[in-house]
């Protein structure tokens, strides 16, 4: 198997934004496994997480979580983008599910993404087939602010193209 480190020459630091264990949800498990897997495959790359909190006190996170964002506090998104920009992060991998982010339809996330100065790869865990206008708007803006999109199925890719007009 070819190491991902060869594919990603020049990348020294990857930040993954999403829920993180011990928060109990599928995205937390996915994000934790992604960070641990990247760290194991490419130990020379600093891979860490910015965890989304759904409660003010947060969670007892492991050391891989270097930043916490209160999902309902818009100012946390600005501080997070500043932290990511000064931390010499080469790429951000965002785990997206509407309910993870505060604001109408998860709109707080757009503040963070709009202020970042590095590429963003967004994994879309849910793509709505018949979205309300505000959800459609958020998905379209999210796709514009992301350098790459990752989906879980061919059907999801078709939804992006046919429903949201994402090429």
Foldseek 3Di string as FASTA:
>chain_A
DDFVCVVDPPFAEEEEEEAAPPPDDPRNVVRPCVQVVNCVRCVRHLYAYAHEACDPVRDPDDPSHPHYADQADLVSLVVVLVCCQVVPHAEYEYEDDQVRHHDVSRVSNLNNLVSHDHAYEYEYADDDQDDDVVNLVSVLSVLVSHPHYHYDDPVSVVSCCPVNVRD
